[in-house]
């Protein structure tokens, strides 16, 4: 669930949800956004599960994000990328800062990984 609420009310909302006894965790993805998700349901958890299903080590996975709801995913990926206009905390956790999301960030990431020999070129 995502609440968009005045920042001065976020803490009261968080306390109210906690008082309900639900097994949830919170991600504040913007100054007035509070996300409430089940324990174990972060983007990082999803990335780990996908890697497991594909039989890939997380060290072979890249992830790109721009906001705090991407934090666990960036941290757990073998190559975590934050776009240049990402939240400062996300940029601190990233292995690399790409161009801003409006300037072909994914293409830049793929090009970087190819230059480093981490992504093979497709056969022609």
PDB file of N, CA and C in Angstrom:
ATOM      1  N   UNK A   1       0.841  -1.150   0.000  1.00  0.00           N
ATOM      2  CA  UNK A   1       0.000   0.000   0.000  1.00  0.00           C
ATOM      3  C   UNK A   1       0.901   1.232   0.000  1.00  0.00           C
ATOM      4  N   UNK A   2       0.496   2.218  -0.741  1.00  0.00           N
ATOM      5  CA  UNK A   2       1.237   3.475  -0.794  1.00  0.00           C
ATOM      6  C   UNK A   2       0.332   4.589  -0.306  1.00  0.00           C
ATOM      7  N   UNK A   3       0.814   5.291   0.697  1.00  0.00           N
ATOM      8  CA  UNK A   3       0.114   6.487   1.160  1.00  0.00           C
ATOM      9  C   UNK A   3       0.887   7.700   0.694  1.00  0.00           C
ATOM     10  N   UNK A   4       0.168   8.679   0.183  1.00  0.00           N
ATOM     11  CA  UNK A   4       0.744   9.984  -0.111  1.00  0.00           C
ATOM     12  C   UNK A   4       0.099  10.920   0.897  1.00  0.00           C
ATOM     13  N   UNK A   5       0.926  11.402   1.812  1.00  0.00           N
ATOM     14  CA  UNK A   5       0.398  12.109   2.976  1.00  0.00           C
ATOM     15  C   UNK A   5       1.359  13.230   3.358  1.00  0.00           C
ATOM     16  N   UNK A   6       0.846  14.255   3.957  1.00  0.00           N
ATOM     17  CA  UNK A   6       1.697  15.365   4.386  1.00  0.00           C
ATOM     18  C   UNK A   6       2.822  14.827   5.281  1.00  0.00           C
ATOM     19  N   UNK A   7       4.049  15.273   5.026  1.00  0.00           N
ATOM     20  CA  UNK A   7       5.194  14.750   5.777  1.00  0.00           C
ATOM     21  C   UNK A   7       5.020  14.794   7.299  1.00  0.00           C
ATOM     22  N   UNK A   8       4.341  15.824   7.808  1.00  0.00           N
ATOM     23  CA  UNK A   8       4.184  15.923   9.267  1.00  0.00           C
ATOM     24  C   UNK A   8       3.273  14.837   9.836  1.00  0.00           C
ATOM     25  N   UNK A   9       2.565  14.095   8.987  1.00  0.00           N
ATOM     26  CA  UNK A   9       1.675  13.034   9.459  1.00  0.00           C
ATOM     27  C   UNK A   9       2.248  11.626   9.248  1.00  0.00           C
ATOM     28  N   UNK A  10       3.392  11.527   8.594  1.00  0.00           N
ATOM     29  CA  UNK A  10       3.964  10.215   8.281  1.00  0.00           C
ATOM     30  C   UNK A  10       4.242   9.374   9.525  1.00  0.00           C
ATOM     31  N   UNK A  11       4.856   9.964  10.517  1.00  0.00           N
ATOM     32  CA  UNK A  11       5.222   9.184  11.708  1.00  0.00           C
ATOM     33  C   UNK A  11       3.987   8.681  12.443  1.00  0.00           C
ATOM     34  N   UNK A  12       2.966   9.505  12.543  1.00  0.00           N
ATOM     35  CA  UNK A  12       1.725   9.066  13.198  1.00  0.00           C
ATOM     36  C   UNK A  12       1.085   7.914  12.419  1.00  0.00           C
ATOM     37  N   UNK A  13       1.103   8.001  11.104  1.00  0.00           N
ATOM     38  CA  UNK A  13       0.561   6.918  10.281  1.00  0.00           C
ATOM     39  C   UNK A  13       1.356   5.638  10.486  1.00  0.00           C
ATOM     40  N   UNK A  14       2.668   5.764  10.492  1.00  0.00           N
ATOM     41  CA  UNK A  14       3.536   4.601  10.704  1.00  0.00           C
ATOM     42  C   UNK A  14       3.225   3.946  12.053  1.00  0.00           C
ATOM     43  N   UNK A  15       3.103   4.751  13.106  1.00  0.00           N
ATOM     44  CA  UNK A  15       2.797   4.209  14.434  1.00  0.00           C
ATOM     45  C   UNK A  15       1.432   3.529  14.454  1.00  0.00           C
ATOM     46  N   UNK A  16       0.442   4.124  13.761  1.00  0.00           N
ATOM     47  CA  UNK A  16      -0.892   3.539  13.721  1.00  0.00           C
ATOM     48  C   UNK A  16      -0.868   2.172  13.033  1.00  0.00           C
ATOM     49  N   UNK A  17      -0.164   2.082  11.906  1.00  0.00           N
ATOM     50  CA  UNK A  17      -0.080   0.805  11.190  1.00  0.00           C
ATOM     51  C   UNK A  17       0.631  -0.229  12.059  1.00  0.00           C
ATOM     52  N   UNK A  18       1.716   0.162  12.706  1.00  0.00           N
ATOM     53  CA  UNK A  18       2.434  -0.766  13.591  1.00  0.00           C
ATOM     54  C   UNK A  18       1.537  -1.266  14.712  1.00  0.00           C
ATOM     55  N   UNK A  19       0.678  -0.401  15.223  1.00  0.00           N
ATOM     56  CA  UNK A  19      -0.227  -0.783  16.318  1.00  0.00           C
ATOM     57  C   UNK A  19      -1.263  -1.815  15.878  1.00  0.00           C
ATOM     58  N   UNK A  20      -1.459  -1.965  14.567  1.00  0.00           N
ATOM     59  CA  UNK A  20      -2.419  -2.947  14.073  1.00  0.00           C
ATOM     60  C   UNK A  20      -1.866  -4.372  14.149  1.00  0.00           C
ATOM     61  N   UNK A  21      -0.566  -4.499  14.426  1.00  0.00           N
ATOM     62  CA  UNK A  21       0.049  -5.815  14.588  1.00  0.00           C
ATOM     63  C   UNK A  21       0.309  -6.557  13.290  1.00  0.00           C
ATOM     64  N   UNK A  22       0.363  -5.848  12.200  1.00  0.00           N
ATOM     65  CA  UNK A  22       0.609  -6.477  10.900  1.00  0.00           C
ATOM     66  C   UNK A  22       2.100  -6.738  10.706  1.00  0.00           C
ATOM     67  N   UNK A  23       2.426  -7.799   9.978  1.00  0.00           N
ATOM     68  CA  UNK A  23       3.812  -8.148   9.707  1.00  0.00           C
ATOM     69  C   UNK A  23       4.255  -7.438   8.424  1.00  0.00           C
ATOM     70  N   UNK A  24       4.524  -6.142   8.544  1.00  0.00           N
ATOM     71  CA  UNK A  24       4.851  -5.312   7.391  1.00  0.00           C
ATOM     72  C   UNK A  24       6.137  -4.539   7.642  1.00  0.00           C
ATOM     73  N   UNK A  25       6.641  -3.984   6.578  1.00  0.00           N
ATOM     74  CA  UNK A  25       7.774  -3.073   6.679  1.00  0.00           C
ATOM     75  C   UNK A  25       7.448  -1.829   5.874  1.00  0.00           C
ATOM     76  N   UNK A  26       8.168  -0.759   6.154  1.00  0.00           N
ATOM     77  CA  UNK A  26       7.902   0.526   5.532  1.00  0.00           C
ATOM     78  C   UNK A  26       9.076   0.953   4.672  1.00  0.00           C
ATOM     79  N   UNK A  27       8.756   1.622   3.584  1.00  0.00           N
ATOM     80  CA  UNK A  27       9.745   2.264   2.742  1.00  0.00           C
ATOM     81  C   UNK A  27       9.216   3.668   2.489  1.00  0.00           C
ATOM     82  N   UNK A  28      10.010   4.658   2.840  1.00  0.00           N
ATOM     83  CA  UNK A  28       9.627   6.031   2.539  1.00  0.00           C
ATOM     84  C   UNK A  28      10.344   6.408   1.258  1.00  0.00           C
ATOM     85  N   UNK A  29       9.602   6.379   0.149  1.00  0.00           N
ATOM     86  CA  UNK A  29      10.220   6.570  -1.149  1.00  0.00           C
ATOM     87  C   UNK A  29      10.230   8.023  -1.612  1.00  0.00           C
ATOM     88  N   UNK A  30       9.610   8.903  -0.862  1.00  0.00           N
ATOM     89  CA  UNK A  30       9.682  10.335  -1.140  1.00  0.00           C
ATOM     90  C   UNK A  30       9.289  11.050   0.147  1.00  0.00           C
ATOM     91  N   UNK A  31       9.406  12.354   0.167  1.00  0.00           N
ATOM     92  CA  UNK A  31       9.130  13.082   1.411  1.00  0.00           C
ATOM     93  C   UNK A  31       7.703  12.888   1.888  1.00  0.00           C
ATOM     94  N   UNK A  32       6.784  12.642   0.955  1.00  0.00           N
ATOM     95  CA  UNK A  32       5.384  12.471   1.354  1.00  0.00           C
ATOM     96  C   UNK A  32       4.801  11.123   0.924  1.00  0.00           C
ATOM     97  N   UNK A  33       5.669  10.148   0.613  1.00  0.00           N
ATOM     98  CA  UNK A  33       5.237   8.806   0.215  1.00  0.00           C
ATOM     99  C   UNK A  33       5.665   7.812   1.297  1.00  0.00           C
ATOM    100  N   UNK A  34       4.731   7.026   1.766  1.00  0.00           N
ATOM    101  CA  UNK A  34       5.043   5.949   2.694  1.00  0.00           C
ATOM    102  C   UNK A  34       4.476   4.665   2.122  1.00  0.00           C
ATOM    103  N   UNK A  35       5.345   3.726   1.819  1.00  0.00           N
ATOM    104  CA  UNK A  35       4.931   2.432   1.296  1.00  0.00           C
ATOM    105  C   UNK A  35       4.911   1.433   2.441  1.00  0.00           C
ATOM    106  N   UNK A  36       3.902   0.612   2.468  1.00  0.00           N
ATOM    107  CA  UNK A  36       3.733  -0.421   3.489  1.00  0.00           C
ATOM    108  C   UNK A  36       3.642  -1.747   2.743  1.00  0.00           C
ATOM    109  N   UNK A  37       4.634  -2.608   2.947  1.00  0.00           N
ATOM    110  CA  UNK A  37       4.680  -3.869   2.212  1.00  0.00           C
ATOM    111  C   UNK A  37       4.879  -5.032   3.180  1.00  0.00           C
ATOM    112  N   UNK A  38       4.455  -6.240   2.781  1.00  0.00           N
ATOM    113  CA  UNK A  38       4.678  -7.397   3.639  1.00  0.00           C
ATOM    114  C   UNK A  38       6.176  -7.631   3.860  1.00  0.00           C
ATOM    115  N   UNK A  39       6.524  -8.158   5.012  1.00  0.00           N
ATOM    116  CA  UNK A  39       7.917  -8.529   5.250  1.00  0.00           C
ATOM    117  C   UNK A  39       8.366  -9.469   4.138  1.00  0.00           C
ATOM    118  N   UNK A  40       9.566  -9.280   3.646  1.00  0.00           N
ATOM    119  CA  UNK A  40      10.107 -10.152   2.613  1.00  0.00           C
ATOM    120  C   UNK A  40       9.608  -9.845   1.211  1.00  0.00           C
ATOM    121  N   UNK A  41       9.012  -8.672   1.008  1.00  0.00           N
ATOM    122  CA  UNK A  41       8.453  -8.344  -0.302  1.00  0.00           C
ATOM    123  C   UNK A  41       9.083  -7.094  -0.904  1.00  0.00           C
ATOM    124  N   UNK A  42      10.327  -6.800  -0.555  1.00  0.00           N
ATOM    125  CA  UNK A  42      10.993  -5.653  -1.159  1.00  0.00           C
ATOM    126  C   UNK A  42      11.411  -5.990  -2.588  1.00  0.00           C
ATOM    127  N   UNK A  43      11.806  -4.992  -3.331  1.00  0.00           N
ATOM    128  CA  UNK A  43      12.328  -5.242  -4.672  1.00  0.00           C
ATOM    129  C   UNK A  43      13.590  -6.101  -4.595  1.00  0.00           C
ATOM    130  N   UNK A  44      14.356  -5.944  -3.528  1.00  0.00           N
ATOM    131  CA  UNK A  44      15.541  -6.782  -3.337  1.00  0.00           C
ATOM    132  C   UNK A  44      15.164  -8.242  -3.148  1.00  0.00           C
ATOM    133  N   UNK A  45      14.101  -8.499  -2.385  1.00  0.00           N
ATOM    134  CA  UNK A  45      13.622  -9.875  -2.205  1.00  0.00           C
ATOM    135  C   UNK A  45      13.155 -10.446  -3.538  1.00  0.00           C
ATOM    136  N   UNK A  46      12.440  -9.640  -4.317  1.00  0.00           N
ATOM    137  CA  UNK A  46      11.979 -10.087  -5.626  1.00  0.00           C
ATOM    138  C   UNK A  46      13.132 -10.385  -6.567  1.00  0.00           C
ATOM    139  N   UNK A  47      14.157  -9.536  -6.528  1.00  0.00           N
ATOM    140  CA  UNK A  47      15.338  -9.752  -7.361  1.00  0.00           C
ATOM    141  C   UNK A  47      16.033 -11.054  -6.974  1.00  0.00           C
ATOM    142  N   UNK A  48      16.172 -11.288  -5.683  1.00  0.00           N
ATOM    143  CA  UNK A  48      16.820 -12.526  -5.219  1.00  0.00           C
ATOM    144  C   UNK A  48      16.022 -13.752  -5.650  1.00  0.00           C
ATOM    145  N   UNK A  49      14.715 -13.671  -5.557  1.00  0.00           N
ATOM    146  CA  UNK A  49      13.865 -14.806  -5.956  1.00  0.00           C
ATOM    147  C   UNK A  49      13.964 -15.044  -7.456  1.00  0.00           C
ATOM    148  N   UNK A  50      13.947 -13.986  -8.251  1.00  0.00           N
ATOM    149  CA  UNK A  50      14.076 -14.130  -9.697  1.00  0.00           C
ATOM    150  C   UNK A  50      15.423 -14.747 -10.061  1.00  0.00           C
ATOM    151  N   UNK A  51      16.486 -14.276  -9.439  1.00  0.00           N
ATOM    152  CA  UNK A  51      17.812 -14.842  -9.706  1.00  0.00           C
ATOM    153  C   UNK A  51      17.834 -16.332  -9.357  1.00  0.00           C
ATOM    154  N   UNK A  52      17.208 -16.678  -8.251  1.00  0.00           N
ATOM    155  CA  UNK A  52      17.131 -18.089  -7.850  1.00  0.00           C
ATOM    156  C   UNK A  52      16.373 -18.912  -8.902  1.00  0.00           C
ATOM    157  N   UNK A  53      15.234 -18.404  -9.369  1.00  0.00           N
ATOM    158  CA  UNK A  53      14.447 -19.118 -10.381  1.00  0.00           C
ATOM    159  C   UNK A  53      15.216 -19.284 -11.689  1.00  0.00           C
ATOM    160  N   UNK A  54      16.055 -18.302 -12.012  1.00  0.00           N
ATOM    161  CA  UNK A  54      16.854 -18.356 -13.234  1.00  0.00           C
ATOM    162  C   UNK A  54      18.195 -19.040 -13.026  1.00  0.00           C
ATOM    163  N   UNK A  55      18.426 -19.503 -11.802  1.00  0.00           N
ATOM    164  CA  UNK A  55      19.677 -20.167 -11.433  1.00  0.00           C
ATOM    165  C   UNK A  55      20.887 -19.275 -11.706  1.00  0.00           C
ATOM    166  N   UNK A  56      20.752 -18.018 -11.297  1.00  0.00           N
ATOM    167  CA  UNK A  56      21.833 -17.041 -11.437  1.00  0.00           C
ATOM    168  C   UNK A  56      22.293 -16.592 -10.060  1.00  0.00           C
ATOM    169  N   UNK A  57      23.594 -16.455  -9.862  1.00  0.00           N
ATOM    170  CA  UNK A  57      24.034 -15.847  -8.609  1.00  0.00           C
ATOM    171  C   UNK A  57      23.723 -14.348  -8.650  1.00  0.00           C
ATOM    172  N   UNK A  58      23.420 -13.762  -7.517  1.00  0.00           N
ATOM    173  CA  UNK A  58      23.143 -12.326  -7.482  1.00  0.00           C
ATOM    174  C   UNK A  58      24.337 -11.518  -7.982  1.00  0.00           C
ATOM    175  N   UNK A  59      25.526 -12.079  -7.874  1.00  0.00           N
ATOM    176  CA  UNK A  59      26.714 -11.384  -8.369  1.00  0.00           C
ATOM    177  C   UNK A  59      26.661 -11.183  -9.881  1.00  0.00           C
ATOM    178  N   UNK A  60      25.814 -11.937 -10.588  1.00  0.00           N
ATOM    179  CA  UNK A  60      25.695 -11.822 -12.039  1.00  0.00           C
ATOM    180  C   UNK A  60      24.516 -10.951 -12.462  1.00  0.00           C
ATOM    181  N   UNK A  61      23.896 -10.280 -11.498  1.00  0.00           N
ATOM    182  CA  UNK A  61      22.686  -9.507 -11.769  1.00  0.00           C
ATOM    183  C   UNK A  61      22.962  -8.017 -11.598  1.00  0.00           C
ATOM    184  N   UNK A  62      22.447  -7.225 -12.525  1.00  0.00           N
ATOM    185  CA  UNK A  62      22.510  -5.762 -12.413  1.00  0.00           C
ATOM    186  C   UNK A  62      21.099  -5.254 -12.139  1.00  0.00           C
ATOM    187  N   UNK A  63      21.006  -4.173 -11.398  1.00  0.00           N
ATOM    188  CA  UNK A  63      19.722  -3.548 -11.104  1.00  0.00           C
ATOM    189  C   UNK A  63      19.894  -2.040 -11.146  1.00  0.00           C
ATOM    190  N   UNK A  64      18.891  -1.356 -11.677  1.00  0.00           N
ATOM    191  CA  UNK A  64      18.920   0.097 -11.805  1.00  0.00           C
ATOM    192  C   UNK A  64      17.727   0.679 -11.068  1.00  0.00           C
ATOM    193  N   UNK A  65      17.968   1.758 -10.325  1.00  0.00           N
ATOM    194  CA  UNK A  65      16.868   2.389  -9.614  1.00  0.00           C
ATOM    195  C   UNK A  65      17.067   3.880  -9.458  1.00  0.00           C
ATOM    196  N   UNK A  66      16.003   4.516  -8.921  1.00  0.00           N
ATOM    197  CA  UNK A  66      16.065   5.963  -8.744  1.00  0.00           C
ATOM    198  C   UNK A  66      15.553   6.453  -7.398  1.00  0.00           C
ATOM    199  N   UNK A  67      14.892   5.585  -6.624  1.00  0.00           N
ATOM    200  CA  UNK A  67      14.321   6.068  -5.378  1.00  0.00           C
ATOM    201  C   UNK A  67      14.513   5.051  -4.262  1.00  0.00           C
ATOM    202  N   UNK A  68      14.129   5.414  -3.067  1.00  0.00           N
ATOM    203  CA  UNK A  68      14.421   4.575  -1.908  1.00  0.00           C
ATOM    204  C   UNK A  68      13.717   3.232  -1.926  1.00  0.00           C
ATOM    205  N   UNK A  69      12.629   3.088  -2.676  1.00  0.00           N
ATOM    206  CA  UNK A  69      12.012   1.772  -2.761  1.00  0.00           C
ATOM    207  C   UNK A  69      12.866   0.812  -3.605  1.00  0.00           C
ATOM    208  N   UNK A  70      13.918   1.310  -4.232  1.00  0.00           N
ATOM    209  CA  UNK A  70      14.874   0.490  -4.981  1.00  0.00           C
ATOM    210  C   UNK A  70      16.117   0.138  -4.156  1.00  0.00           C
ATOM    211  N   UNK A  71      16.215   0.653  -2.950  1.00  0.00           N
ATOM    212  CA  UNK A  71      17.434   0.531  -2.145  1.00  0.00           C
ATOM    213  C   UNK A  71      17.865  -0.922  -1.947  1.00  0.00           C
ATOM    214  N   UNK A  72      16.971  -1.780  -1.483  1.00  0.00           N
ATOM    215  CA  UNK A  72      17.338  -3.184  -1.237  1.00  0.00           C
ATOM    216  C   UNK A  72      17.748  -3.888  -2.518  1.00  0.00           C
ATOM    217  N   UNK A  73      17.097  -3.572  -3.613  1.00  0.00           N
ATOM    218  CA  UNK A  73      17.427  -4.169  -4.902  1.00  0.00           C
ATOM    219  C   UNK A  73      18.834  -3.762  -5.331  1.00  0.00           C
ATOM    220  N   UNK A  74      19.148  -2.485  -5.213  1.00  0.00           N
ATOM    221  CA  UNK A  74      20.472  -1.976  -5.580  1.00  0.00           C
ATOM    222  C   UNK A  74      21.553  -2.598  -4.703  1.00  0.00           C
ATOM    223  N   UNK A  75      21.254  -2.692  -3.424  1.00  0.00           N
ATOM    224  CA  UNK A  75      22.225  -3.236  -2.475  1.00  0.00           C
ATOM    225  C   UNK A  75      22.508  -4.718  -2.732  1.00  0.00           C
ATOM    226  N   UNK A  76      21.497  -5.478  -3.121  1.00  0.00           N
ATOM    227  CA  UNK A  76      21.648  -6.920  -3.265  1.00  0.00           C
ATOM    228  C   UNK A  76      22.180  -7.347  -4.627  1.00  0.00           C
ATOM    229  N   UNK A  77      22.006  -6.515  -5.633  1.00  0.00           N
ATOM    230  CA  UNK A  77      22.481  -6.864  -6.979  1.00  0.00           C
ATOM    231  C   UNK A  77      24.000  -6.897  -7.004  1.00  0.00           C
ATOM    232  N   UNK A  78      24.531  -7.717  -7.882  1.00  0.00           N
ATOM    233  CA  UNK A  78      25.975  -7.761  -8.054  1.00  0.00           C
ATOM    234  C   UNK A  78      26.519  -6.448  -8.584  1.00  0.00           C
ATOM    235  N   UNK A  79      25.695  -5.750  -9.354  1.00  0.00           N
ATOM    236  CA  UNK A  79      26.066  -4.442  -9.896  1.00  0.00           C
ATOM    237  C   UNK A  79      24.860  -3.536  -9.724  1.00  0.00           C
ATOM    238  N   UNK A  80      24.881  -2.723  -8.690  1.00  0.00           N
ATOM    239  CA  UNK A  80      23.782  -1.821  -8.380  1.00  0.00           C
ATOM    240  C   UNK A  80      24.020  -0.455  -8.991  1.00  0.00           C
ATOM    241  N   UNK A  81      23.025   0.031  -9.718  1.00  0.00           N
ATOM    242  CA  UNK A  81      23.158   1.291 -10.436  1.00  0.00           C
ATOM    243  C   UNK A  81      22.062   2.255  -9.977  1.00  0.00           C
ATOM    244  N   UNK A  82      22.472   3.461  -9.681  1.00  0.00           N
ATOM    245  CA  UNK A  82      21.518   4.537  -9.408  1.00  0.00           C
ATOM    246  C   UNK A  82      21.635   5.536 -10.544  1.00  0.00           C
ATOM    247  N   UNK A  83      20.497   6.025 -11.008  1.00  0.00           N
ATOM    248  CA  UNK A  83      20.541   7.062 -12.042  1.00  0.00           C
ATOM    249  C   UNK A  83      21.032   8.360 -11.405  1.00  0.00           C
ATOM    250  N   UNK A  84      21.567   9.247 -12.225  1.00  0.00           N
ATOM    251  CA  UNK A  84      22.178  10.484 -11.709  1.00  0.00           C
ATOM    252  C   UNK A  84      21.200  11.337 -10.915  1.00  0.00           C
ATOM    253  N   UNK A  85      19.923  11.262 -11.236  1.00  0.00           N
ATOM    254  CA  UNK A  85      18.927  12.050 -10.514  1.00  0.00           C
ATOM    255  C   UNK A  85      18.209  11.224  -9.447  1.00  0.00           C
ATOM    256  N   UNK A  86      18.865  10.185  -8.955  1.00  0.00           N
ATOM    257  CA  UNK A  86      18.310   9.327  -7.901  1.00  0.00           C
ATOM    258  C   UNK A  86      18.416  10.000  -6.536  1.00  0.00           C
ATOM    259  N   UNK A  87      17.720   9.427  -5.586  1.00  0.00           N
ATOM    260  CA  UNK A  87      17.808   9.871  -4.196  1.00  0.00           C
ATOM    261  C   UNK A  87      19.262   9.730  -3.729  1.00  0.00           C
ATOM    262  N   UNK A  88      19.788  10.686  -2.985  1.00  0.00           N
ATOM    263  CA  UNK A  88      21.189  10.633  -2.544  1.00  0.00           C
ATOM    264  C   UNK A  88      21.560   9.339  -1.800  1.00  0.00           C
ATOM    265  N   UNK A  89      20.678   8.832  -0.968  1.00  0.00           N
ATOM    266  CA  UNK A  89      20.975   7.596  -0.232  1.00  0.00           C
ATOM    267  C   UNK A  89      21.123   6.411  -1.191  1.00  0.00           C
ATOM    268  N   UNK A  90      20.336   6.397  -2.243  1.00  0.00           N
ATOM    269  CA  UNK A  90      20.438   5.329  -3.229  1.00  0.00           C
ATOM    270  C   UNK A  90      21.773   5.427  -3.963  1.00  0.00           C
ATOM    271  N   UNK A  91      22.169   6.649  -4.292  1.00  0.00           N
ATOM    272  CA  UNK A  91      23.451   6.838  -4.980  1.00  0.00           C
ATOM    273  C   UNK A  91      24.611   6.383  -4.105  1.00  0.00           C
ATOM    274  N   UNK A  92      24.502   6.576  -2.793  1.00  0.00           N
ATOM    275  CA  UNK A  92      25.553   6.102  -1.883  1.00  0.00           C
ATOM    276  C   UNK A  92      25.666   4.583  -1.900  1.00  0.00           C
ATOM    277  N   UNK A  93      24.557   3.886  -2.068  1.00  0.00           N
ATOM    278  CA  UNK A  93      24.549   2.424  -2.042  1.00  0.00           C
ATOM    279  C   UNK A  93      24.963   1.810  -3.375  1.00  0.00           C
ATOM    280  N   UNK A  94      24.921   2.584  -4.442  1.00  0.00           N
ATOM    281  CA  UNK A  94      25.154   2.061  -5.793  1.00  0.00           C
ATOM    282  C   UNK A  94      26.634   1.824  -6.071  1.00  0.00           C
ATOM    283  N   UNK A  95      26.876   0.894  -6.993  1.00  0.00           N
ATOM    284  CA  UNK A  95      28.231   0.636  -7.486  1.00  0.00           C
ATOM    285  C   UNK A  95      28.618   1.622  -8.580  1.00  0.00           C
ATOM    286  N   UNK A  96      27.605   2.162  -9.237  1.00  0.00           N
ATOM    287  CA  UNK A  96      27.859   3.077 -10.348  1.00  0.00           C
ATOM    288  C   UNK A  96      26.684   4.026 -10.475  1.00  0.00           C
ATOM    289  N   UNK A  97      26.955   5.250 -10.904  1.00  0.00           N
ATOM    290  CA  UNK A  97      25.914   6.243 -11.155  1.00  0.00           C
ATOM    291  C   UNK A  97      25.807   6.410 -12.674  1.00  0.00           C
ATOM    292  N   UNK A  98      24.633   6.133 -13.204  1.00  0.00           N
ATOM    293  CA  UNK A  98      24.398   6.245 -14.644  1.00  0.00           C
ATOM    294  C   UNK A  98      23.945   7.662 -14.983  1.00  0.00           C
ATOM    295  N   UNK A  99      23.787   7.950 -16.264  1.00  0.00           N
ATOM    296  CA  UNK A  99      23.142   9.222 -16.623  1.00  0.00           C
ATOM    297  C   UNK A  99      21.735   9.266 -16.021  1.00  0.00           C
ATOM    298  N   UNK A 100      21.094  10.433 -16.008  1.00  0.00           N
ATOM    299  CA  UNK A 100      19.731  10.533 -15.485  1.00  0.00           C
ATOM    300  C   UNK A 100      18.763   9.624 -16.246  1.00  0.00           C
ATOM    301  N   UNK A 101      17.648   9.293 -15.613  1.00  0.00           N
ATOM    302  CA  UNK A 101      16.715   8.348 -16.229  1.00  0.00           C
ATOM    303  C   UNK A 101      16.167   8.827 -17.568  1.00  0.00           C
ATOM    304  N   UNK A 102      16.125  10.084 -17.808  1.00  0.00           N
ATOM    305  CA  UNK A 102      15.644  10.597 -19.091  1.00  0.00           C
ATOM    306  C   UNK A 102      16.707  10.641 -20.167  1.00  0.00           C
ATOM    307  N   UNK A 103      17.900  10.166 -19.844  1.00  0.00           N
ATOM    308  CA  UNK A 103      19.022  10.228 -20.804  1.00  0.00           C
ATOM    309  C   UNK A 103      19.623   8.850 -21.059  1.00  0.00           C
ATOM    310  N   UNK A 104      18.761   7.865 -21.268  1.00  0.00           N
ATOM    311  CA  UNK A 104      19.171   6.518 -21.678  1.00  0.00           C
ATOM    312  C   UNK A 104      20.031   5.800 -20.637  1.00  0.00           C
ATOM    313  N   UNK A 105      19.597   5.842 -19.398  1.00  0.00           N
ATOM    314  CA  UNK A 105      20.354   5.232 -18.299  1.00  0.00           C
ATOM    315  C   UNK A 105      20.556   3.736 -18.495  1.00  0.00           C
ATOM    316  N   UNK A 106      19.523   3.035 -18.940  1.00  0.00           N
ATOM    317  CA  UNK A 106      19.641   1.579 -19.115  1.00  0.00           C
ATOM    318  C   UNK A 106      20.643   1.271 -20.220  1.00  0.00           C
ATOM    319  N   UNK A 107      20.562   1.979 -21.325  1.00  0.00           N
ATOM    320  CA  UNK A 107      21.514   1.759 -22.418  1.00  0.00           C
ATOM    321  C   UNK A 107      22.943   2.035 -21.952  1.00  0.00           C
ATOM    322  N   UNK A 108      23.137   3.083 -21.173  1.00  0.00           N
ATOM    323  CA  UNK A 108      24.478   3.401 -20.659  1.00  0.00           C
ATOM    324  C   UNK A 108      24.990   2.296 -19.745  1.00  0.00           C
ATOM    325  N   UNK A 109      24.099   1.744 -18.943  1.00  0.00           N
ATOM    326  CA  UNK A 109      24.495   0.650 -18.042  1.00  0.00           C
ATOM    327  C   UNK A 109      24.905  -0.583 -18.847  1.00  0.00           C
ATOM    328  N   UNK A 110      24.105  -0.940 -19.833  1.00  0.00           N
ATOM    329  CA  UNK A 110      24.446  -2.098 -20.670  1.00  0.00           C
ATOM    330  C   UNK A 110      25.775  -1.866 -21.388  1.00  0.00           C
ATOM    331  N   UNK A 111      25.979  -0.676 -21.918  1.00  0.00           N
ATOM    332  CA  UNK A 111      27.238  -0.364 -22.601  1.00  0.00           C
ATOM    333  C   UNK A 111      28.414  -0.491 -21.650  1.00  0.00           C
ATOM    334  N   UNK A 112      28.248   0.009 -20.424  1.00  0.00           N
ATOM    335  CA  UNK A 112      29.330  -0.100 -19.433  1.00  0.00           C
ATOM    336  C   UNK A 112      29.639  -1.563 -19.125  1.00  0.00           C
ATOM    337  N   UNK A 113      28.611  -2.351 -18.916  1.00  0.00           N
ATOM    338  CA  UNK A 113      28.815  -3.766 -18.608  1.00  0.00           C
ATOM    339  C   UNK A 113      29.462  -4.495 -19.779  1.00  0.00           C
ATOM    340  N   UNK A 114      29.116  -4.124 -20.992  1.00  0.00           N
ATOM    341  CA  UNK A 114      29.756  -4.728 -22.170  1.00  0.00           C
ATOM    342  C   UNK A 114      31.226  -4.340 -22.257  1.00  0.00           C
ATOM    343  N   UNK A 115      31.516  -3.046 -22.036  1.00  0.00           N
ATOM    344  CA  UNK A 115      32.920  -2.592 -22.073  1.00  0.00           C
ATOM    345  C   UNK A 115      33.771  -3.348 -21.071  1.00  0.00           C
ATOM    346  N   UNK A 116      33.157  -3.663 -19.916  1.00  0.00           N
ATOM    347  CA  UNK A 116      33.880  -4.372 -18.861  1.00  0.00           C
ATOM    348  C   UNK A 116      33.873  -5.886 -19.070  1.00  0.00           C
ATOM    349  N   UNK A 117      33.252  -6.356 -20.149  1.00  0.00           N
ATOM    350  CA  UNK A 117      33.218  -7.789 -20.430  1.00  0.00           C
ATOM    351  C   UNK A 117      32.250  -8.568 -19.556  1.00  0.00           C
ATOM    352  N   UNK A 118      31.330  -7.873 -18.916  1.00  0.00           N
ATOM    353  CA  UNK A 118      30.381  -8.552 -18.023  1.00  0.00           C
ATOM    354  C   UNK A 118      29.117  -8.998 -18.741  1.00  0.00           C
ATOM    355  N   UNK A 119      28.881  -8.492 -19.949  1.00  0.00           N
ATOM    356  CA  UNK A 119      27.718  -8.870 -20.760  1.00  0.00           C
ATOM    357  C   UNK A 119      28.240  -9.216 -22.140  1.00  0.00           C
ATOM    358  N   UNK A 120      28.035 -10.447 -22.566  1.00  0.00           N
ATOM    359  CA  UNK A 120      28.530 -10.813 -23.911  1.00  0.00           C
ATOM    360  C   UNK A 120      27.694 -10.135 -24.991  1.00  0.00           C
ATOM    361  N   UNK A 121      28.326  -9.878 -26.107  1.00  0.00           N
ATOM    362  CA  UNK A 121      27.605  -9.344 -27.255  1.00  0.00           C
ATOM    363  C   UNK A 121      26.736 -10.450 -27.839  1.00  0.00           C
ATOM    364  N   UNK A 122      25.580 -10.096 -28.332  1.00  0.00           N
ATOM    365  CA  UNK A 122      24.691 -11.083 -28.947  1.00  0.00           C
ATOM    366  C   UNK A 122      25.315 -11.578 -30.260  1.00  0.00           C
ATOM    367  N   UNK A 123      25.165 -12.872 -30.542  1.00  0.00           N
ATOM    368  CA  UNK A 123      25.707 -13.386 -31.817  1.00  0.00           C
ATOM    369  C   UNK A 123      24.962 -12.763 -32.990  1.00  0.00           C
ATOM    370  N   UNK A 124      25.657 -12.584 -34.094  1.00  0.00           N
ATOM    371  CA  UNK A 124      25.037 -11.995 -35.296  1.00  0.00           C
ATOM    372  C   UNK A 124      24.718 -13.061 -36.291  1.00  0.00           C
TER     373      UNK A 124
END
